[in-house]
Amino acid sequence: MVFSARVIQDLGPAGWAPLYGMLKDRFGVTWVLDVAVEYPAG
């Protein structure tokens, strides 16, 4: 998707998620990616 989109925020760690990124596709739609992982119960 990045080939036909403009990257607004590179995929990388954020304070609230291990991976976060944002891009805008060729139609003007902004996509936000938050990748979360399961945390062990402790």
N, C-alpha and C. Protein backbone atom coordinates (compact mmCIF):
# COMPACT_ATOMS: atom_id res chain seq x y z
N MET A 1 0.82 -1.19 0.00
CA MET A 1 0.00 0.00 0.00
C MET A 1 0.86 1.26 0.00
N VAL A 2 2.04 1.18 0.56
CA VAL A 2 2.88 2.37 0.65
C VAL A 2 3.31 2.87 -0.74
N PHE A 3 3.28 2.02 -1.75
CA PHE A 3 3.70 2.44 -3.08
C PHE A 3 2.73 3.43 -3.70
N SER A 4 1.47 3.37 -3.31
CA SER A 4 0.49 4.31 -3.84
C SER A 4 -0.04 5.24 -2.75
N ALA A 5 0.74 5.42 -1.70
CA ALA A 5 0.29 6.24 -0.57
C ALA A 5 1.42 7.15 -0.11
N ARG A 6 1.06 8.15 0.68
CA ARG A 6 2.04 9.05 1.28
C ARG A 6 2.14 8.70 2.77
N VAL A 7 3.35 8.38 3.22
CA VAL A 7 3.57 8.04 4.61
C VAL A 7 3.55 9.32 5.44
N ILE A 8 2.69 9.35 6.44
CA ILE A 8 2.60 10.48 7.35
C ILE A 8 3.46 10.22 8.57
N GLN A 9 3.39 9.00 9.10
CA GLN A 9 4.20 8.59 10.25
C GLN A 9 4.74 7.20 9.97
N ASP A 10 6.07 7.07 9.94
CA ASP A 10 6.68 5.76 9.71
C ASP A 10 6.26 4.78 10.80
N LEU A 11 6.19 3.51 10.44
CA LEU A 11 5.84 2.47 11.40
C LEU A 11 6.96 2.33 12.43
N GLY A 12 6.61 2.49 13.69
CA GLY A 12 7.60 2.40 14.76
C GLY A 12 6.93 2.41 16.11
N PRO A 13 7.70 2.27 17.17
CA PRO A 13 7.12 2.24 18.51
C PRO A 13 6.51 3.58 18.90
N ALA A 14 5.45 3.50 19.70
CA ALA A 14 4.79 4.70 20.24
C ALA A 14 4.55 4.45 21.72
N GLY A 15 4.17 5.47 22.44
CA GLY A 15 3.93 5.35 23.86
C GLY A 15 2.79 4.44 24.22
N TRP A 16 1.86 4.22 23.29
CA TRP A 16 0.67 3.42 23.59
C TRP A 16 0.64 2.09 22.83
N ALA A 17 1.55 1.87 21.92
CA ALA A 17 1.55 0.63 21.13
C ALA A 17 2.98 0.29 20.71
N PRO A 18 3.27 -1.00 20.60
CA PRO A 18 4.60 -1.41 20.14
C PRO A 18 4.90 -0.92 18.72
N LEU A 19 3.89 -0.83 17.88
CA LEU A 19 4.05 -0.32 16.53
C LEU A 19 2.89 0.60 16.18
N TYR A 20 3.21 1.74 15.59
CA TYR A 20 2.21 2.72 15.18
C TYR A 20 2.67 3.34 13.88
N GLY A 21 1.74 3.58 12.97
CA GLY A 21 2.06 4.25 11.73
C GLY A 21 0.83 4.88 11.12
N MET A 22 1.05 5.79 10.19
CA MET A 22 -0.07 6.48 9.55
C MET A 22 0.30 6.79 8.10
N LEU A 23 -0.67 6.60 7.20
CA LEU A 23 -0.45 6.96 5.80
C LEU A 23 -1.74 7.44 5.18
N LYS A 24 -1.61 8.11 4.05
CA LYS A 24 -2.77 8.59 3.30
C LYS A 24 -2.71 7.95 1.92
N ASP A 25 -3.80 7.26 1.55
CA ASP A 25 -3.81 6.57 0.26
C ASP A 25 -4.12 7.51 -0.89
N ARG A 26 -4.11 6.99 -2.09
CA ARG A 26 -4.28 7.82 -3.28
C ARG A 26 -5.67 8.43 -3.39
N PHE A 27 -6.63 7.95 -2.58
CA PHE A 27 -7.98 8.50 -2.59
C PHE A 27 -8.18 9.54 -1.50
N GLY A 28 -7.13 9.80 -0.71
CA GLY A 28 -7.22 10.78 0.36
C GLY A 28 -7.66 10.22 1.69
N VAL A 29 -7.78 8.89 1.78
CA VAL A 29 -8.18 8.25 3.03
C VAL A 29 -6.95 8.08 3.92
N THR A 30 -7.05 8.52 5.16
CA THR A 30 -5.95 8.36 6.12
C THR A 30 -6.13 7.05 6.86
N TRP A 31 -5.07 6.26 6.88
CA TRP A 31 -5.05 4.97 7.57
C TRP A 31 -4.13 5.08 8.78
N VAL A 32 -4.63 4.62 9.92
CA VAL A 32 -3.85 4.61 11.15
C VAL A 32 -3.65 3.15 11.54
N LEU A 33 -2.41 2.76 11.76
CA LEU A 33 -2.09 1.39 12.12
C LEU A 33 -1.56 1.36 13.55
N ASP A 34 -2.26 0.66 14.42
CA ASP A 34 -1.84 0.41 15.79
C ASP A 34 -1.69 -1.10 15.93
N VAL A 35 -0.49 -1.56 16.18
CA VAL A 35 -0.26 -2.98 16.36
C VAL A 35 -0.05 -3.23 17.85
N ALA A 36 -0.97 -3.99 18.43
CA ALA A 36 -0.90 -4.29 19.86
C ALA A 36 -0.54 -5.76 20.04
N VAL A 37 0.07 -6.05 21.15
CA VAL A 37 0.40 -7.42 21.49
C VAL A 37 -0.30 -7.79 22.79
N GLU A 38 -0.50 -9.07 22.98
CA GLU A 38 -1.13 -9.53 24.20
C GLU A 38 -0.12 -9.45 25.35
N TYR A 39 -0.52 -8.83 26.44
CA TYR A 39 0.34 -8.71 27.61
C TYR A 39 0.05 -9.86 28.56
N PRO A 40 1.10 -10.45 29.11
CA PRO A 40 0.87 -11.56 30.06
C PRO A 40 0.19 -11.06 31.34
N ALA A 41 -0.75 -11.84 31.83
CA ALA A 41 -1.42 -11.50 33.09
C ALA A 41 -0.41 -11.67 34.23
N GLY A 42 -0.36 -10.70 35.07
CA GLY A 42 0.67 -10.79 36.11
C GLY A 42 0.16 -10.37 37.39
